[in-house]
Amino acid sequence: MVKLKKAYKAFTFTKHPKSTILENRQLNDSFCILICGTIRHYTIDSNTAEEQTLRFTLSGNLLCQYGTATEATEYLSCLSECTILSVSNTILAEIGEETNLRIYCQNIIKENLELEVALLRMPPEKRYIKLCKQYQNIFLTVPLKYIASFLGITPQALCRIRKRLLITP
């Protein structure tokens, strides 16, 4: 119980306005939960300088990066005003041994990775359908150009898929 109180005191809330680019360092040193808002994770192709959307983090989800601080080639952009709850990984490790928090976090990360790998193996139309099922309200907060980038298609192809699915009974 003492360690939980210590963790509670160590939690910090930070607010970030829309269009803020978050630093990789904050996520690599802390356990973070996105309390409200939407964040886009993306990378920039070194040859073409084009952005490729990797994933989205929506309100109430674990905000994590895969990899280490030295591999930090992932950028994060707030698509709306965001509030992030964070605690140091050191304190999390202390309380994680006594609670199931560490296992819970590992399971969330595993589920996210499985979804991303599954999406890579599907054709665009099936990726779109799975995305709609997984994140029902994503179209309310994420611009279509970022969703198209996430699906690996152009915005025009996304428009055609949406139109085709609306017409199909």
N, C-alpha and C. Protein backbone atom coordinates (compact mmCIF):
# COMPACT_ATOMS: atom_id res chain seq x y z
N MET A 1 0.83 -1.20 0.00
CA MET A 1 0.00 0.00 0.00
C MET A 1 0.87 1.26 0.00
N VAL A 2 1.99 1.21 0.71
CA VAL A 2 2.89 2.35 0.77
C VAL A 2 3.44 2.65 -0.63
N LYS A 3 3.75 1.60 -1.38
CA LYS A 3 4.28 1.81 -2.73
C LYS A 3 3.22 2.39 -3.66
N LEU A 4 1.97 2.00 -3.48
CA LEU A 4 0.90 2.58 -4.29
C LEU A 4 0.73 4.06 -3.99
N LYS A 5 0.85 4.43 -2.72
CA LYS A 5 0.77 5.85 -2.36
C LYS A 5 1.93 6.62 -2.98
N LYS A 6 3.11 6.01 -2.97
CA LYS A 6 4.29 6.63 -3.57
C LYS A 6 4.05 6.83 -5.07
N ALA A 7 3.49 5.83 -5.72
CA ALA A 7 3.21 5.93 -7.15
C ALA A 7 2.18 7.02 -7.42
N TYR A 8 1.14 7.08 -6.59
CA TYR A 8 0.10 8.09 -6.77
C TYR A 8 0.70 9.49 -6.72
N LYS A 9 1.61 9.70 -5.77
CA LYS A 9 2.26 11.01 -5.66
C LYS A 9 3.18 11.29 -6.84
N ALA A 10 3.68 10.23 -7.46
CA ALA A 10 4.62 10.40 -8.57
C ALA A 10 3.92 10.65 -9.91
N PHE A 11 2.62 10.41 -9.99
CA PHE A 11 1.89 10.63 -11.24
C PHE A 11 1.83 12.11 -11.56
N THR A 12 1.99 12.44 -12.82
CA THR A 12 1.87 13.83 -13.26
C THR A 12 0.90 13.90 -14.44
N PHE A 13 0.18 15.00 -14.49
CA PHE A 13 -0.72 15.27 -15.61
C PHE A 13 -0.08 16.37 -16.44
N THR A 14 -0.05 16.19 -17.75
CA THR A 14 0.43 17.25 -18.63
C THR A 14 -0.61 17.47 -19.73
N LYS A 15 -0.82 18.73 -20.07
CA LYS A 15 -1.75 19.08 -21.15
C LYS A 15 -0.92 19.57 -22.33
N HIS A 16 -1.35 19.17 -23.52
CA HIS A 16 -0.67 19.56 -24.74
C HIS A 16 -1.71 20.08 -25.73
N PRO A 17 -1.49 21.27 -26.28
CA PRO A 17 -2.45 21.79 -27.26
C PRO A 17 -2.39 21.02 -28.58
N LYS A 18 -3.43 21.18 -29.37
CA LYS A 18 -3.49 20.55 -30.69
C LYS A 18 -2.26 20.93 -31.50
N SER A 19 -1.77 20.03 -32.32
CA SER A 19 -0.62 20.21 -33.21
C SER A 19 0.73 20.15 -32.51
N THR A 20 0.74 19.87 -31.21
CA THR A 20 2.01 19.74 -30.50
C THR A 20 2.70 18.45 -30.94
N ILE A 21 4.01 18.53 -31.15
CA ILE A 21 4.81 17.35 -31.43
C ILE A 21 5.45 16.95 -30.10
N LEU A 22 5.13 15.75 -29.63
CA LEU A 22 5.64 15.29 -28.34
C LEU A 22 7.04 14.71 -28.51
N GLU A 23 7.84 14.87 -27.47
CA GLU A 23 9.21 14.34 -27.50
C GLU A 23 9.22 12.85 -27.18
N ASN A 24 10.05 12.12 -27.89
CA ASN A 24 10.19 10.68 -27.64
C ASN A 24 10.67 10.41 -26.23
N ARG A 25 11.51 11.29 -25.72
CA ARG A 25 12.12 11.10 -24.40
C ARG A 25 11.07 10.91 -23.31
N GLN A 26 9.99 11.69 -23.37
CA GLN A 26 8.95 11.60 -22.34
C GLN A 26 8.35 10.20 -22.28
N LEU A 27 8.12 9.60 -23.43
CA LEU A 27 7.50 8.27 -23.44
C LEU A 27 8.49 7.18 -23.08
N ASN A 28 9.73 7.33 -23.45
CA ASN A 28 10.71 6.29 -23.16
C ASN A 28 11.08 6.23 -21.69
N ASP A 29 10.91 7.31 -20.97
CA ASP A 29 11.27 7.35 -19.55
C ASP A 29 10.07 7.14 -18.64
N SER A 30 8.87 7.10 -19.20
CA SER A 30 7.66 7.06 -18.38
C SER A 30 6.63 6.09 -18.91
N PHE A 31 5.75 5.71 -18.01
CA PHE A 31 4.55 4.95 -18.35
C PHE A 31 3.46 6.00 -18.52
N CYS A 32 2.83 6.05 -19.67
CA CYS A 32 1.86 7.11 -19.97
C CYS A 32 0.52 6.55 -20.42
N ILE A 33 -0.53 7.23 -19.98
CA ILE A 33 -1.89 6.93 -20.42
C ILE A 33 -2.47 8.22 -20.98
N LEU A 34 -3.07 8.13 -22.15
CA LEU A 34 -3.72 9.29 -22.75
C LEU A 34 -5.11 9.40 -22.14
N ILE A 35 -5.29 10.39 -21.28
CA ILE A 35 -6.56 10.59 -20.58
C ILE A 35 -7.62 11.09 -21.55
N CYS A 36 -7.29 12.10 -22.33
CA CYS A 36 -8.22 12.57 -23.35
C CYS A 36 -7.43 13.11 -24.54
N GLY A 37 -8.04 13.01 -25.71
CA GLY A 37 -7.40 13.49 -26.92
C GLY A 37 -7.09 12.36 -27.88
N THR A 38 -6.41 12.71 -28.97
CA THR A 38 -6.00 11.75 -29.99
C THR A 38 -4.58 12.08 -30.41
N ILE A 39 -3.73 11.05 -30.47
CA ILE A 39 -2.34 11.23 -30.88
C ILE A 39 -2.05 10.34 -32.08
N ARG A 40 -1.35 10.91 -33.04
CA ARG A 40 -0.92 10.16 -34.22
C ARG A 40 0.57 9.84 -34.09
N HIS A 41 0.92 8.58 -34.25
CA HIS A 41 2.32 8.14 -34.25
C HIS A 41 2.73 8.02 -35.71
N TYR A 42 3.86 8.60 -36.07
CA TYR A 42 4.28 8.52 -37.46
C TYR A 42 5.80 8.52 -37.57
N THR A 43 6.27 8.15 -38.74
CA THR A 43 7.69 8.18 -39.05
C THR A 43 7.85 8.95 -40.35
N ILE A 44 9.06 9.40 -40.61
CA ILE A 44 9.33 10.15 -41.84
C ILE A 44 10.34 9.36 -42.67
N ASP A 45 9.97 9.09 -43.91
CA ASP A 45 10.85 8.37 -44.83
C ASP A 45 12.06 9.25 -45.13
N SER A 46 13.25 8.75 -44.88
CA SER A 46 14.46 9.56 -45.07
C SER A 46 14.74 9.85 -46.54
N ASN A 47 14.23 9.03 -47.45
CA ASN A 47 14.47 9.25 -48.88
C ASN A 47 13.48 10.23 -49.50
N THR A 48 12.21 10.09 -49.14
CA THR A 48 11.18 10.92 -49.78
C THR A 48 10.66 12.04 -48.89
N ALA A 49 11.00 12.01 -47.61
CA ALA A 49 10.53 12.98 -46.61
C ALA A 49 9.01 12.91 -46.42
N GLU A 50 8.40 11.81 -46.82
CA GLU A 50 6.96 11.62 -46.63
C GLU A 50 6.69 11.02 -45.26
N GLU A 51 5.59 11.47 -44.66
CA GLU A 51 5.17 10.93 -43.37
C GLU A 51 4.36 9.66 -43.59
N GLN A 52 4.59 8.65 -42.74
CA GLN A 52 3.81 7.41 -42.77
C GLN A 52 3.22 7.20 -41.38
N THR A 53 1.90 7.21 -41.29
CA THR A 53 1.23 7.01 -40.01
C THR A 53 1.38 5.56 -39.58
N LEU A 54 1.84 5.36 -38.34
CA LEU A 54 2.04 4.01 -37.80
C LEU A 54 0.84 3.52 -37.02
N ARG A 55 0.28 4.40 -36.20
CA ARG A 55 -0.88 4.04 -35.37
C ARG A 55 -1.44 5.30 -34.74
N PHE A 56 -2.57 5.13 -34.06
CA PHE A 56 -3.21 6.22 -33.33
C PHE A 56 -3.39 5.78 -31.89
N THR A 57 -3.33 6.73 -30.98
CA THR A 57 -3.69 6.47 -29.59
C THR A 57 -4.88 7.36 -29.29
N LEU A 58 -5.96 6.73 -28.84
CA LEU A 58 -7.19 7.45 -28.53
C LEU A 58 -7.37 7.55 -27.02
N SER A 59 -8.26 8.42 -26.59
CA SER A 59 -8.53 8.64 -25.16
C SER A 59 -8.69 7.32 -24.40
N GLY A 60 -8.06 7.28 -23.22
CA GLY A 60 -8.20 6.12 -22.35
C GLY A 60 -7.26 4.98 -22.65
N ASN A 61 -6.37 5.15 -23.62
CA ASN A 61 -5.46 4.07 -23.99
C ASN A 61 -4.04 4.33 -23.52
N LEU A 62 -3.30 3.25 -23.43
CA LEU A 62 -1.90 3.30 -23.06
C LEU A 62 -1.13 3.97 -24.19
N LEU A 63 -0.31 4.93 -23.84
CA LEU A 63 0.47 5.65 -24.83
C LEU A 63 1.88 5.10 -24.78
N CYS A 64 2.24 4.29 -25.76
CA CYS A 64 3.55 3.66 -25.70
C CYS A 64 4.20 3.66 -27.07
N GLN A 65 5.52 3.52 -27.02
CA GLN A 65 6.31 3.36 -28.22
C GLN A 65 6.97 2.01 -28.12
N TYR A 66 7.24 1.42 -29.27
CA TYR A 66 7.91 0.14 -29.29
C TYR A 66 9.35 0.41 -29.69
N GLY A 67 10.28 -0.04 -28.88
CA GLY A 67 11.68 0.20 -29.15
C GLY A 67 12.31 0.92 -27.97
N THR A 68 13.52 1.40 -28.19
CA THR A 68 14.25 2.07 -27.12
C THR A 68 14.49 3.52 -27.50
N ALA A 69 15.00 4.26 -26.53
CA ALA A 69 15.24 5.69 -26.74
C ALA A 69 16.23 5.93 -27.88
N THR A 70 17.18 5.01 -28.06
CA THR A 70 18.17 5.21 -29.12
C THR A 70 17.58 4.97 -30.50
N GLU A 71 16.47 4.23 -30.57
CA GLU A 71 15.82 3.95 -31.85
C GLU A 71 14.73 4.97 -32.17
N ALA A 72 14.65 6.03 -31.43
CA ALA A 72 13.53 6.96 -31.50
C ALA A 72 13.43 7.65 -32.86
N THR A 73 12.79 6.98 -33.80
CA THR A 73 12.53 7.57 -35.11
C THR A 73 11.03 7.78 -35.30
N GLU A 74 10.30 7.61 -34.22
CA GLU A 74 8.85 7.76 -34.24
C GLU A 74 8.50 9.13 -33.68
N TYR A 75 7.60 9.82 -34.36
CA TYR A 75 7.15 11.12 -33.91
C TYR A 75 5.70 11.00 -33.46
N LEU A 76 5.30 11.88 -32.55
CA LEU A 76 3.94 11.87 -32.05
C LEU A 76 3.36 13.27 -32.19
N SER A 77 2.18 13.35 -32.76
CA SER A 77 1.53 14.63 -32.98
C SER A 77 0.14 14.61 -32.36
N CYS A 78 -0.18 15.64 -31.58
CA CYS A 78 -1.50 15.75 -30.97
C CYS A 78 -2.49 16.23 -32.04
N LEU A 79 -3.48 15.41 -32.33
CA LEU A 79 -4.51 15.79 -33.31
C LEU A 79 -5.62 16.61 -32.67
N SER A 80 -5.62 16.63 -31.35
CA SER A 80 -6.56 17.45 -30.58
C SER A 80 -5.84 17.79 -29.27
N GLU A 81 -6.47 18.62 -28.45
CA GLU A 81 -5.87 18.92 -27.15
C GLU A 81 -5.78 17.60 -26.37
N CYS A 82 -4.62 17.34 -25.78
CA CYS A 82 -4.40 16.05 -25.10
C CYS A 82 -3.99 16.25 -23.65
N THR A 83 -4.45 15.34 -22.81
CA THR A 83 -4.03 15.27 -21.41
C THR A 83 -3.41 13.90 -21.20
N ILE A 84 -2.18 13.91 -20.68
CA ILE A 84 -1.44 12.66 -20.49
C ILE A 84 -1.12 12.49 -19.01
N LEU A 85 -1.38 11.29 -18.51
CA LEU A 85 -1.03 10.90 -17.15
C LEU A 85 0.23 10.06 -17.26
N SER A 86 1.28 10.43 -16.51
CA SER A 86 2.52 9.66 -16.62
C SER A 86 3.15 9.44 -15.25
N VAL A 87 3.92 8.36 -15.18
CA VAL A 87 4.69 8.02 -13.98
C VAL A 87 6.01 7.44 -14.47
N SER A 88 7.05 7.69 -13.72
CA SER A 88 8.38 7.21 -14.08
C SER A 88 8.41 5.69 -14.16
N ASN A 89 9.16 5.17 -15.12
CA ASN A 89 9.31 3.72 -15.26
C ASN A 89 9.95 3.09 -14.03
N THR A 90 10.80 3.84 -13.35
CA THR A 90 11.45 3.33 -12.14
C THR A 90 10.42 3.05 -11.06
N ILE A 91 9.52 4.00 -10.83
CA ILE A 91 8.48 3.81 -9.82
C ILE A 91 7.51 2.73 -10.26
N LEU A 92 7.22 2.69 -11.54
CA LEU A 92 6.33 1.65 -12.05
C LEU A 92 6.94 0.26 -11.81
N ALA A 93 8.24 0.14 -12.00
CA ALA A 93 8.90 -1.15 -11.77
C ALA A 93 8.80 -1.56 -10.30
N GLU A 94 8.90 -0.58 -9.40
CA GLU A 94 8.80 -0.88 -7.97
C GLU A 94 7.42 -1.42 -7.61
N ILE A 95 6.38 -0.75 -8.08
CA ILE A 95 5.03 -1.21 -7.72
C ILE A 95 4.56 -2.35 -8.62
N GLY A 96 5.16 -2.46 -9.79
CA GLY A 96 4.75 -3.49 -10.73
C GLY A 96 5.03 -4.90 -10.25
N GLU A 97 6.03 -5.05 -9.40
CA GLU A 97 6.36 -6.37 -8.87
C GLU A 97 5.29 -6.85 -7.89
N GLU A 98 4.66 -5.92 -7.20
CA GLU A 98 3.65 -6.28 -6.20
C GLU A 98 2.23 -6.34 -6.78
N THR A 99 2.04 -5.76 -7.93
CA THR A 99 0.70 -5.73 -8.53
C THR A 99 0.75 -6.39 -9.91
N ASN A 100 -0.38 -6.50 -10.51
CA ASN A 100 -0.45 -7.06 -11.87
C ASN A 100 -0.32 -5.98 -12.94
N LEU A 101 0.08 -4.78 -12.55
CA LEU A 101 0.14 -3.66 -13.47
C LEU A 101 1.11 -3.93 -14.62
N ARG A 102 2.27 -4.46 -14.32
CA ARG A 102 3.26 -4.73 -15.35
C ARG A 102 2.72 -5.74 -16.37
N ILE A 103 2.10 -6.80 -15.89
CA ILE A 103 1.54 -7.83 -16.78
C ILE A 103 0.42 -7.23 -17.63
N TYR A 104 -0.41 -6.41 -17.01
CA TYR A 104 -1.50 -5.74 -17.73
C TYR A 104 -0.94 -4.89 -18.87
N CYS A 105 0.09 -4.10 -18.58
CA CYS A 105 0.69 -3.23 -19.59
C CYS A 105 1.31 -4.05 -20.72
N GLN A 106 1.99 -5.13 -20.36
CA GLN A 106 2.59 -5.98 -21.38
C GLN A 106 1.53 -6.59 -22.29
N ASN A 107 0.39 -6.96 -21.72
CA ASN A 107 -0.70 -7.52 -22.52
C ASN A 107 -1.27 -6.49 -23.49
N ILE A 108 -1.40 -5.25 -23.04
CA ILE A 108 -1.91 -4.18 -23.92
C ILE A 108 -0.95 -3.96 -25.08
N ILE A 109 0.34 -3.90 -24.78
CA ILE A 109 1.35 -3.71 -25.83
C ILE A 109 1.30 -4.87 -26.82
N LYS A 110 1.18 -6.08 -26.31
CA LYS A 110 1.12 -7.28 -27.16
C LYS A 110 -0.11 -7.21 -28.08
N GLU A 111 -1.27 -6.83 -27.53
CA GLU A 111 -2.49 -6.73 -28.34
C GLU A 111 -2.34 -5.68 -29.43
N ASN A 112 -1.73 -4.54 -29.09
CA ASN A 112 -1.52 -3.49 -30.09
C ASN A 112 -0.61 -3.97 -31.22
N LEU A 113 0.47 -4.66 -30.86
CA LEU A 113 1.38 -5.18 -31.88
C LEU A 113 0.70 -6.22 -32.76
N GLU A 114 -0.10 -7.08 -32.16
CA GLU A 114 -0.82 -8.10 -32.94
C GLU A 114 -1.77 -7.46 -33.94
N LEU A 115 -2.47 -6.40 -33.52
CA LEU A 115 -3.37 -5.69 -34.43
C LEU A 115 -2.59 -5.09 -35.59
N GLU A 116 -1.46 -4.44 -35.29
CA GLU A 116 -0.67 -3.81 -36.34
C GLU A 116 -0.13 -4.83 -37.33
N VAL A 117 0.35 -5.97 -36.84
CA VAL A 117 0.85 -7.02 -37.73
C VAL A 117 -0.28 -7.58 -38.58
N ALA A 118 -1.44 -7.80 -37.97
CA ALA A 118 -2.60 -8.32 -38.71
C ALA A 118 -3.00 -7.35 -39.82
N LEU A 119 -2.98 -6.06 -39.52
CA LEU A 119 -3.35 -5.06 -40.53
C LEU A 119 -2.38 -5.06 -41.71
N LEU A 120 -1.11 -5.30 -41.43
CA LEU A 120 -0.12 -5.31 -42.51
C LEU A 120 -0.37 -6.43 -43.52
N ARG A 121 -0.98 -7.50 -43.07
CA ARG A 121 -1.17 -8.67 -43.92
C ARG A 121 -2.50 -8.65 -44.69
N MET A 122 -3.33 -7.66 -44.45
CA MET A 122 -4.65 -7.61 -45.08
C MET A 122 -4.66 -6.66 -46.26
N PRO A 123 -5.58 -6.89 -47.21
CA PRO A 123 -5.77 -5.91 -48.29
C PRO A 123 -6.41 -4.64 -47.71
N PRO A 124 -6.25 -3.50 -48.39
CA PRO A 124 -6.72 -2.22 -47.86
C PRO A 124 -8.18 -2.20 -47.41
N GLU A 125 -9.07 -2.82 -48.17
CA GLU A 125 -10.49 -2.79 -47.81
C GLU A 125 -10.75 -3.51 -46.49
N LYS A 126 -10.10 -4.64 -46.29
CA LYS A 126 -10.26 -5.39 -45.04
C LYS A 126 -9.61 -4.63 -43.87
N ARG A 127 -8.48 -3.95 -44.15
CA ARG A 127 -7.85 -3.13 -43.11
C ARG A 127 -8.80 -2.03 -42.66
N TYR A 128 -9.47 -1.41 -43.64
CA TYR A 128 -10.42 -0.35 -43.33
C TYR A 128 -11.56 -0.87 -42.46
N ILE A 129 -12.11 -2.02 -42.82
CA ILE A 129 -13.22 -2.61 -42.05
C ILE A 129 -12.77 -2.94 -40.63
N LYS A 130 -11.58 -3.53 -40.49
CA LYS A 130 -11.06 -3.87 -39.16
C LYS A 130 -10.83 -2.60 -38.34
N LEU A 131 -10.30 -1.57 -38.98
CA LEU A 131 -10.08 -0.30 -38.30
C LEU A 131 -11.40 0.28 -37.79
N CYS A 132 -12.43 0.21 -38.61
CA CYS A 132 -13.75 0.72 -38.22
C CYS A 132 -14.30 -0.04 -37.02
N LYS A 133 -14.07 -1.35 -36.99
CA LYS A 133 -14.56 -2.16 -35.86
C LYS A 133 -13.75 -1.90 -34.60
N GLN A 134 -12.43 -1.79 -34.76
CA GLN A 134 -11.54 -1.61 -33.61
C GLN A 134 -11.68 -0.22 -32.99
N TYR A 135 -11.75 0.80 -33.83
CA TYR A 135 -11.83 2.19 -33.37
C TYR A 135 -13.07 2.83 -33.98
N GLN A 136 -14.21 2.61 -33.38
CA GLN A 136 -15.48 3.04 -33.96
C GLN A 136 -15.59 4.55 -34.14
N ASN A 137 -14.97 5.33 -33.27
CA ASN A 137 -15.10 6.79 -33.34
C ASN A 137 -13.89 7.48 -33.95
N ILE A 138 -13.02 6.73 -34.59
CA ILE A 138 -11.78 7.32 -35.10
C ILE A 138 -12.03 8.41 -36.14
N PHE A 139 -13.11 8.28 -36.90
CA PHE A 139 -13.39 9.25 -37.96
C PHE A 139 -13.89 10.59 -37.40
N LEU A 140 -14.23 10.61 -36.12
CA LEU A 140 -14.65 11.85 -35.48
C LEU A 140 -13.46 12.72 -35.08
N THR A 141 -12.30 12.10 -34.89
CA THR A 141 -11.15 12.85 -34.37
C THR A 141 -9.92 12.85 -35.28
N VAL A 142 -9.86 11.94 -36.24
CA VAL A 142 -8.66 11.81 -37.07
C VAL A 142 -8.99 12.19 -38.52
N PRO A 143 -8.24 13.14 -39.10
CA PRO A 143 -8.46 13.50 -40.50
C PRO A 143 -8.26 12.30 -41.44
N LEU A 144 -9.02 12.25 -42.51
CA LEU A 144 -8.97 11.13 -43.45
C LEU A 144 -7.59 10.92 -44.06
N LYS A 145 -6.83 11.99 -44.26
CA LYS A 145 -5.50 11.82 -44.87
C LYS A 145 -4.59 10.99 -43.96
N TYR A 146 -4.75 11.11 -42.64
CA TYR A 146 -3.94 10.31 -41.72
C TYR A 146 -4.43 8.87 -41.66
N ILE A 147 -5.73 8.68 -41.77
CA ILE A 147 -6.27 7.31 -41.79
C ILE A 147 -5.80 6.61 -43.06
N ALA A 148 -5.82 7.31 -44.19
CA ALA A 148 -5.33 6.74 -45.44
C ALA A 148 -3.85 6.37 -45.32
N SER A 149 -3.06 7.24 -44.72
CA SER A 149 -1.64 6.96 -44.52
C SER A 149 -1.45 5.72 -43.65
N PHE A 150 -2.25 5.61 -42.60
CA PHE A 150 -2.18 4.44 -41.71
C PHE A 150 -2.51 3.16 -42.47
N LEU A 151 -3.48 3.23 -43.37
CA LEU A 151 -3.89 2.06 -44.15
C LEU A 151 -2.94 1.77 -45.31
N GLY A 152 -2.02 2.70 -45.57
CA GLY A 152 -1.05 2.51 -46.65
C GLY A 152 -1.63 2.77 -48.03
N ILE A 153 -2.63 3.65 -48.09
CA ILE A 153 -3.27 3.99 -49.36
C ILE A 153 -3.38 5.50 -49.49
N THR A 154 -3.77 5.97 -50.66
CA THR A 154 -3.96 7.41 -50.86
C THR A 154 -5.33 7.82 -50.33
N PRO A 155 -5.51 9.10 -50.04
CA PRO A 155 -6.84 9.56 -49.62
C PRO A 155 -7.92 9.27 -50.67
N GLN A 156 -7.55 9.32 -51.95
CA GLN A 156 -8.52 9.03 -53.01
C GLN A 156 -8.95 7.56 -52.96
N ALA A 157 -8.00 6.66 -52.72
CA ALA A 157 -8.34 5.22 -52.62
C ALA A 157 -9.24 4.99 -51.40
N LEU A 158 -8.97 5.68 -50.31
CA LEU A 158 -9.82 5.56 -49.12
C LEU A 158 -11.24 6.01 -49.44
N CYS A 159 -11.36 7.09 -50.17
CA CYS A 159 -12.68 7.60 -50.56
C CYS A 159 -13.43 6.56 -51.40
N ARG A 160 -12.72 5.92 -52.33
CA ARG A 160 -13.36 4.89 -53.17
C ARG A 160 -13.80 3.69 -52.33
N ILE A 161 -12.97 3.27 -51.38
CA ILE A 161 -13.33 2.14 -50.51
C ILE A 161 -14.56 2.49 -49.69
N ARG A 162 -14.58 3.68 -49.11
CA ARG A 162 -15.73 4.08 -48.30
C ARG A 162 -17.00 4.13 -49.14
N LYS A 163 -16.89 4.67 -50.34
CA LYS A 163 -18.05 4.77 -51.23
C LYS A 163 -18.54 3.37 -51.61
N ARG A 164 -17.61 2.48 -51.96
CA ARG A 164 -17.97 1.12 -52.35
C ARG A 164 -18.67 0.38 -51.20
N LEU A 165 -18.18 0.56 -49.98
CA LEU A 165 -18.77 -0.12 -48.82
C LEU A 165 -20.14 0.45 -48.46
N LEU A 166 -20.36 1.73 -48.74
CA LEU A 166 -21.67 2.33 -48.49
C LEU A 166 -22.71 1.83 -49.48
N ILE A 167 -22.29 1.57 -50.70
CA ILE A 167 -23.21 1.11 -51.74
C ILE A 167 -23.51 -0.37 -51.59
N THR A 168 -22.50 -1.16 -51.20
CA THR A 168 -22.67 -2.61 -51.07
C THR A 168 -23.68 -2.94 -49.97
N PRO A 169 -24.69 -3.79 -50.29
CA PRO A 169 -25.70 -4.14 -49.27
C PRO A 169 -25.14 -5.06 -48.20
